[in-house]
Protein backbone atom coordinates (compact mmCIF):
# COMPACT_ATOMS: atom_id res chain seq x y z
CA UNK A 1 39.23 -11.44 41.07
CA UNK A 2 37.69 -13.68 38.51
CA UNK A 3 33.91 -13.92 38.04
CA UNK A 4 32.05 -16.07 35.58
CA UNK A 5 29.76 -14.30 33.06
CA UNK A 6 26.87 -15.85 31.34
CA UNK A 7 25.42 -14.01 28.26
CA UNK A 8 22.07 -14.98 26.42
CA UNK A 9 20.27 -14.28 23.18
CA UNK A 10 21.49 -11.00 21.55
CA UNK A 11 23.79 -10.16 24.32
CA UNK A 12 25.70 -13.51 23.45
CA UNK A 13 25.92 -12.50 19.92
CA UNK A 14 27.28 -8.92 20.71
CA UNK A 15 29.74 -10.16 23.18
CA UNK A 16 30.79 -13.26 21.13
CA UNK A 17 30.53 -15.70 24.04
CA UNK A 18 28.00 -17.52 26.04
CA UNK A 19 30.10 -17.92 29.04
CA UNK A 20 33.39 -16.63 29.97
CA UNK A 21 35.47 -16.04 33.09
CA UNK A 22 36.52 -12.28 33.48
CA UNK A 23 39.11 -10.78 35.65
CA UNK A 24 38.10 -7.65 37.49
CA UNK A 25 39.36 -5.48 40.28
CA UNK A 26 38.74 -6.34 43.88
CA UNK A 27 35.42 -4.79 45.07
CA UNK A 28 33.99 -4.44 41.54
CA UNK A 29 30.30 -4.23 41.11
CA UNK A 30 27.93 -5.55 38.38
CA UNK A 31 27.81 -2.06 36.90
CA UNK A 32 31.75 -2.15 36.76
CA UNK A 33 31.54 -5.52 35.02
CA UNK A 34 29.10 -4.23 32.38
CA UNK A 35 31.37 -1.26 31.82
CA UNK A 36 34.37 -3.62 31.43
CA UNK A 37 32.42 -5.70 28.88
CA UNK A 38 31.21 -2.53 27.02
CA UNK A 39 34.77 -1.34 26.68
CA UNK A 40 35.49 -4.47 24.86
CA UNK A 41 32.32 -4.59 22.92
CA UNK A 42 31.07 -1.00 22.30
CA UNK A 43 27.69 -2.12 20.66
CA UNK A 44 26.79 -3.71 24.10
CA UNK A 45 25.91 -0.26 25.38
CA UNK A 46 22.75 0.10 23.43
CA UNK A 47 21.42 -2.86 25.54
CA UNK A 48 22.08 -1.55 28.97
CA UNK A 49 18.52 0.04 29.70
CA UNK A 50 16.80 -3.25 28.87
CA UNK A 51 19.42 -5.77 30.51
CA UNK A 52 18.66 -7.28 33.93
CA UNK A 53 21.19 -9.16 35.92
CA UNK A 54 21.31 -12.29 37.98
CA UNK A 55 23.98 -12.80 40.63
CA UNK A 56 24.66 -16.30 41.77
CA UNK A 57 21.18 -17.33 40.52
CA UNK A 58 19.14 -14.30 42.04
CA UNK A 59 18.01 -11.15 40.42
CA UNK A 60 20.61 -8.37 41.29
CA UNK A 61 20.98 -4.62 41.31
CA UNK A 62 23.93 -3.34 39.22
CA UNK A 63 25.36 -1.88 42.40
CA UNK A 64 25.79 -5.38 43.83
CA UNK A 65 29.36 -6.09 44.87
CA UNK A 66 31.14 -8.96 43.28
CA UNK A 67 33.44 -11.47 44.99
CA UNK A 68 35.81 -14.21 43.60
CA UNK A 69 34.13 -16.96 42.02
CA UNK A 70 30.68 -15.17 41.63
CA UNK A 71 28.67 -15.88 38.55
CA UNK A 72 26.72 -13.09 36.73
CA UNK A 73 24.12 -13.83 34.11
CA UNK A 74 23.19 -11.01 31.67
CA UNK A 75 19.55 -11.45 31.01
CA UNK A 76 18.15 -9.53 27.95
CA UNK A 77 14.48 -8.74 27.52
CA UNK A 78 12.20 -11.50 26.29
CA UNK A 79 9.02 -11.34 24.43
CA UNK A 80 6.15 -13.69 24.53
CA UNK A 81 2.96 -14.36 22.89
């Protein structure tokens, strides 16, 4: 299946893209998507604990199952002040 991945801020720099379609196995989860991305960009692993995810515009857990055409946004921590 194919899902759309959106990466922001530092995650975009590490991955080398802001938006890309990624091919995954059927029944993949957000966690599986993260693992696939980290396999291609090992420095990404350092950001796992602080990254949140949005699935089709809603905050989501890494265990969320994906389906064809879904959109997953990788949300880095943000500071304010």
